[in-house]
Amino acid sequence: MRAACHGDAMKFCSAVVSDDEARRACMKNHAAELSAACREAVTAQRRVEGKGDLETCRKLARDKYYIDGGRRLNDAVGPAVVRCMKNGPSAI
């Protein structure tokens, strides 16, 4: 992940690159702007750590919170996605 994201870290977070916690927060703030290689590396790392990737978490949360008649409990989907991203799919 370091090799894939180094350029992004320097581009977006050079002021805090030596502070691990601040750099992680900065990279999360720029998640939508990261290079494809960095995003792929982050997704792979999350899988290794047991954390969920965004698309998988969204699908699992949407599937879980469908109720009769095809309606979705939208107020439950968002928090479930967040839990999944932090703790892995089993957190949904």
N, C-alpha and C. Protein backbone atom coordinates (compact mmCIF):
# COMPACT_ATOMS: atom_id res chain seq x y z
N MET A 1 0.83 -1.18 0.00
CA MET A 1 0.00 0.00 0.00
C MET A 1 0.88 1.25 0.00
N ARG A 2 1.98 1.19 0.69
CA ARG A 2 2.86 2.36 0.77
C ARG A 2 3.30 2.80 -0.63
N ALA A 3 3.71 1.85 -1.46
CA ALA A 3 4.18 2.19 -2.80
C ALA A 3 3.04 2.76 -3.66
N ALA A 4 1.87 2.16 -3.56
CA ALA A 4 0.73 2.60 -4.38
C ALA A 4 0.20 3.96 -3.95
N CYS A 5 0.34 4.31 -2.69
CA CYS A 5 -0.27 5.54 -2.16
C CYS A 5 0.73 6.65 -1.86
N HIS A 6 2.01 6.39 -2.03
CA HIS A 6 3.01 7.41 -1.67
C HIS A 6 2.79 8.72 -2.41
N GLY A 7 2.58 8.64 -3.70
CA GLY A 7 2.38 9.86 -4.49
C GLY A 7 1.15 10.64 -4.03
N ASP A 8 0.06 9.91 -3.73
CA ASP A 8 -1.16 10.56 -3.24
C ASP A 8 -0.92 11.20 -1.88
N ALA A 9 -0.19 10.50 -1.01
CA ALA A 9 0.09 11.04 0.32
C ALA A 9 0.89 12.34 0.20
N MET A 10 1.85 12.37 -0.70
CA MET A 10 2.65 13.57 -0.88
C MET A 10 1.83 14.70 -1.52
N LYS A 11 0.94 14.33 -2.42
CA LYS A 11 0.13 15.33 -3.12
C LYS A 11 -0.89 15.98 -2.19
N PHE A 12 -1.59 15.17 -1.40
CA PHE A 12 -2.69 15.68 -0.58
C PHE A 12 -2.32 15.95 0.88
N CYS A 13 -1.32 15.25 1.38
CA CYS A 13 -1.08 15.28 2.83
C CYS A 13 0.39 15.53 3.20
N SER A 14 1.11 16.21 2.37
CA SER A 14 2.54 16.38 2.61
C SER A 14 2.83 17.09 3.94
N ALA A 15 1.93 17.94 4.38
CA ALA A 15 2.16 18.68 5.63
C ALA A 15 2.11 17.76 6.86
N VAL A 16 1.46 16.61 6.74
CA VAL A 16 1.30 15.70 7.88
C VAL A 16 1.82 14.30 7.59
N VAL A 17 2.58 14.15 6.53
CA VAL A 17 2.98 12.81 6.09
C VAL A 17 3.77 12.04 7.14
N SER A 18 4.46 12.70 8.01
CA SER A 18 5.25 11.99 9.03
C SER A 18 4.44 11.61 10.27
N ASP A 19 3.22 12.10 10.38
CA ASP A 19 2.34 11.77 11.51
C ASP A 19 1.31 10.75 11.03
N ASP A 20 1.48 9.48 11.45
CA ASP A 20 0.64 8.40 10.94
C ASP A 20 -0.86 8.67 11.08
N GLU A 21 -1.28 9.07 12.26
CA GLU A 21 -2.70 9.30 12.51
C GLU A 21 -3.25 10.44 11.67
N ALA A 22 -2.53 11.53 11.62
CA ALA A 22 -2.96 12.69 10.83
C ALA A 22 -2.95 12.36 9.34
N ARG A 23 -1.95 11.59 8.90
CA ARG A 23 -1.88 11.20 7.49
C ARG A 23 -3.07 10.32 7.11
N ARG A 24 -3.40 9.36 7.97
CA ARG A 24 -4.56 8.50 7.69
C ARG A 24 -5.84 9.32 7.59
N ALA A 25 -6.02 10.24 8.51
CA ALA A 25 -7.21 11.10 8.48
C ALA A 25 -7.23 11.93 7.21
N CYS A 26 -6.09 12.47 6.84
CA CYS A 26 -6.00 13.28 5.63
C CYS A 26 -6.34 12.44 4.39
N MET A 27 -5.80 11.24 4.32
CA MET A 27 -6.06 10.36 3.17
C MET A 27 -7.54 9.99 3.11
N LYS A 28 -8.16 9.75 4.26
CA LYS A 28 -9.59 9.47 4.28
C LYS A 28 -10.38 10.67 3.77
N ASN A 29 -9.95 11.87 4.13
CA ASN A 29 -10.63 13.09 3.67
C ASN A 29 -10.52 13.25 2.15
N HIS A 30 -9.49 12.68 1.57
CA HIS A 30 -9.26 12.79 0.13
C HIS A 30 -9.57 11.48 -0.59
N ALA A 31 -10.33 10.59 0.03
CA ALA A 31 -10.59 9.26 -0.54
C ALA A 31 -11.12 9.32 -1.97
N ALA A 32 -11.99 10.25 -2.26
CA ALA A 32 -12.58 10.35 -3.60
C ALA A 32 -11.56 10.80 -4.64
N GLU A 33 -10.47 11.39 -4.20
CA GLU A 33 -9.47 11.94 -5.12
C GLU A 33 -8.26 11.03 -5.30
N LEU A 34 -8.20 9.93 -4.57
CA LEU A 34 -7.03 9.05 -4.63
C LEU A 34 -6.92 8.38 -5.99
N SER A 35 -5.70 8.05 -6.36
CA SER A 35 -5.46 7.36 -7.63
C SER A 35 -6.09 5.97 -7.57
N ALA A 36 -6.34 5.41 -8.75
CA ALA A 36 -6.94 4.07 -8.82
C ALA A 36 -6.05 3.05 -8.13
N ALA A 37 -4.74 3.15 -8.32
CA ALA A 37 -3.82 2.20 -7.69
C ALA A 37 -3.88 2.27 -6.17
N CYS A 38 -3.98 3.47 -5.63
CA CYS A 38 -4.06 3.64 -4.18
C CYS A 38 -5.40 3.10 -3.66
N ARG A 39 -6.48 3.41 -4.36
CA ARG A 39 -7.79 2.89 -3.92
C ARG A 39 -7.81 1.37 -3.91
N GLU A 40 -7.21 0.76 -4.94
CA GLU A 40 -7.14 -0.70 -4.99
C GLU A 40 -6.30 -1.25 -3.83
N ALA A 41 -5.22 -0.59 -3.52
CA ALA A 41 -4.36 -1.03 -2.41
C ALA A 41 -5.10 -0.91 -1.08
N VAL A 42 -5.84 0.16 -0.90
CA VAL A 42 -6.61 0.35 0.34
C VAL A 42 -7.68 -0.73 0.46
N THR A 43 -8.37 -1.02 -0.63
CA THR A 43 -9.40 -2.07 -0.63
C THR A 43 -8.78 -3.41 -0.28
N ALA A 44 -7.65 -3.73 -0.88
CA ALA A 44 -6.97 -4.99 -0.59
C ALA A 44 -6.55 -5.06 0.86
N GLN A 45 -6.03 -3.97 1.40
CA GLN A 45 -5.61 -3.94 2.80
C GLN A 45 -6.80 -4.14 3.74
N ARG A 46 -7.91 -3.53 3.43
CA ARG A 46 -9.10 -3.70 4.27
C ARG A 46 -9.56 -5.15 4.28
N ARG A 47 -9.47 -5.81 3.14
CA ARG A 47 -9.86 -7.22 3.09
C ARG A 47 -8.94 -8.05 3.98
N VAL A 48 -7.65 -7.76 3.93
CA VAL A 48 -6.68 -8.48 4.76
C VAL A 48 -6.96 -8.24 6.23
N GLU A 49 -7.31 -7.02 6.58
CA GLU A 49 -7.58 -6.65 7.97
C GLU A 49 -8.97 -7.07 8.42
N GLY A 50 -9.77 -7.61 7.50
CA GLY A 50 -11.12 -8.01 7.86
C GLY A 50 -12.12 -6.87 7.77
N LYS A 51 -11.71 -5.75 7.24
CA LYS A 51 -12.62 -4.63 7.08
C LYS A 51 -13.26 -4.72 5.71
N GLY A 52 -14.45 -4.16 5.59
CA GLY A 52 -15.17 -4.27 4.33
C GLY A 52 -14.83 -3.17 3.35
N ASP A 53 -14.96 -3.49 2.07
CA ASP A 53 -14.82 -2.45 1.07
C ASP A 53 -16.20 -1.81 0.87
N LEU A 54 -16.22 -0.61 0.37
CA LEU A 54 -17.43 0.20 0.31
C LEU A 54 -18.55 -0.48 -0.46
N GLU A 55 -18.30 -0.98 -1.64
CA GLU A 55 -19.37 -1.57 -2.45
C GLU A 55 -19.95 -2.81 -1.78
N THR A 56 -19.10 -3.66 -1.22
CA THR A 56 -19.59 -4.85 -0.53
C THR A 56 -20.44 -4.45 0.67
N CYS A 57 -19.97 -3.47 1.44
CA CYS A 57 -20.71 -3.03 2.62
C CYS A 57 -22.06 -2.43 2.23
N ARG A 58 -22.09 -1.65 1.18
CA ARG A 58 -23.37 -1.07 0.73
C ARG A 58 -24.35 -2.15 0.35
N LYS A 59 -23.88 -3.13 -0.44
CA LYS A 59 -24.78 -4.20 -0.88
C LYS A 59 -25.31 -5.00 0.31
N LEU A 60 -24.43 -5.38 1.22
CA LEU A 60 -24.86 -6.15 2.38
C LEU A 60 -25.87 -5.38 3.23
N ALA A 61 -25.62 -4.10 3.44
CA ALA A 61 -26.52 -3.28 4.26
C ALA A 61 -27.87 -3.12 3.58
N ARG A 62 -27.85 -2.86 2.27
CA ARG A 62 -29.12 -2.71 1.55
C ARG A 62 -29.91 -4.00 1.59
N ASP A 63 -29.23 -5.14 1.37
CA ASP A 63 -29.91 -6.43 1.38
C ASP A 63 -30.51 -6.74 2.75
N LYS A 64 -29.78 -6.42 3.80
CA LYS A 64 -30.26 -6.73 5.15
C LYS A 64 -31.48 -5.91 5.53
N TYR A 65 -31.51 -4.65 5.12
CA TYR A 65 -32.56 -3.76 5.60
C TYR A 65 -33.72 -3.58 4.62
N TYR A 66 -33.91 -4.53 3.70
CA TYR A 66 -35.15 -4.55 2.91
C TYR A 66 -36.24 -5.15 3.78
N ILE A 67 -37.42 -4.59 3.67
CA ILE A 67 -38.55 -5.14 4.41
C ILE A 67 -39.67 -5.47 3.42
N ASP A 68 -40.74 -6.04 3.91
CA ASP A 68 -41.85 -6.43 3.04
C ASP A 68 -42.25 -5.30 2.12
N GLY A 69 -42.59 -5.67 0.88
CA GLY A 69 -43.00 -4.68 -0.09
C GLY A 69 -41.83 -4.02 -0.80
N GLY A 70 -40.60 -4.50 -0.58
CA GLY A 70 -39.45 -3.97 -1.27
C GLY A 70 -38.95 -2.64 -0.76
N ARG A 71 -39.48 -2.18 0.37
CA ARG A 71 -39.01 -0.90 0.93
C ARG A 71 -37.71 -1.14 1.68
N ARG A 72 -36.97 -0.10 1.85
CA ARG A 72 -35.69 -0.19 2.56
C ARG A 72 -35.73 0.73 3.77
N LEU A 73 -35.19 0.28 4.87
CA LEU A 73 -35.07 1.11 6.06
C LEU A 73 -33.82 1.97 5.91
N ASN A 74 -33.94 3.07 5.19
CA ASN A 74 -32.78 3.89 4.85
C ASN A 74 -32.03 4.43 6.06
N ASP A 75 -32.74 4.68 7.14
CA ASP A 75 -32.05 5.20 8.32
C ASP A 75 -31.14 4.15 8.96
N ALA A 76 -31.31 2.89 8.61
CA ALA A 76 -30.46 1.83 9.16
C ALA A 76 -29.31 1.49 8.22
N VAL A 77 -29.46 1.78 6.93
CA VAL A 77 -28.45 1.39 5.96
C VAL A 77 -27.13 2.14 6.18
N GLY A 78 -27.18 3.45 6.32
CA GLY A 78 -25.96 4.25 6.49
C GLY A 78 -25.11 3.81 7.66
N PRO A 79 -25.69 3.71 8.86
CA PRO A 79 -24.89 3.25 10.00
C PRO A 79 -24.34 1.84 9.82
N ALA A 80 -25.10 0.98 9.14
CA ALA A 80 -24.61 -0.38 8.90
C ALA A 80 -23.40 -0.37 7.98
N VAL A 81 -23.42 0.50 6.97
CA VAL A 81 -22.27 0.62 6.07
C VAL A 81 -21.05 1.09 6.84
N VAL A 82 -21.22 2.05 7.69
CA VAL A 82 -20.10 2.57 8.50
C VAL A 82 -19.53 1.46 9.38
N ARG A 83 -20.41 0.71 10.05
CA ARG A 83 -19.93 -0.40 10.89
C ARG A 83 -19.15 -1.41 10.07
N CYS A 84 -19.66 -1.73 8.90
CA CYS A 84 -19.00 -2.70 8.02
C CYS A 84 -17.63 -2.20 7.59
N MET A 85 -17.54 -0.93 7.21
CA MET A 85 -16.27 -0.37 6.77
C MET A 85 -15.23 -0.42 7.89
N LYS A 86 -15.66 -0.18 9.11
CA LYS A 86 -14.74 -0.17 10.24
C LYS A 86 -14.38 -1.56 10.73
N ASN A 87 -15.40 -2.45 10.77
CA ASN A 87 -15.22 -3.74 11.45
C ASN A 87 -15.39 -4.97 10.59
N GLY A 88 -15.71 -4.78 9.32
CA GLY A 88 -15.90 -5.91 8.42
C GLY A 88 -17.36 -6.29 8.27
N PRO A 89 -17.65 -7.11 7.26
CA PRO A 89 -19.03 -7.48 6.92
C PRO A 89 -19.81 -8.12 8.06
N SER A 90 -19.15 -8.78 8.96
CA SER A 90 -19.88 -9.42 10.06
C SER A 90 -20.51 -8.41 11.00
N ALA A 91 -20.15 -7.14 10.89
CA ALA A 91 -20.70 -6.10 11.78
C ALA A 91 -22.08 -5.62 11.35
N ILE A 92 -22.52 -6.04 10.16
CA ILE A 92 -23.85 -5.59 9.69
C ILE A 92 -24.92 -6.37 10.42
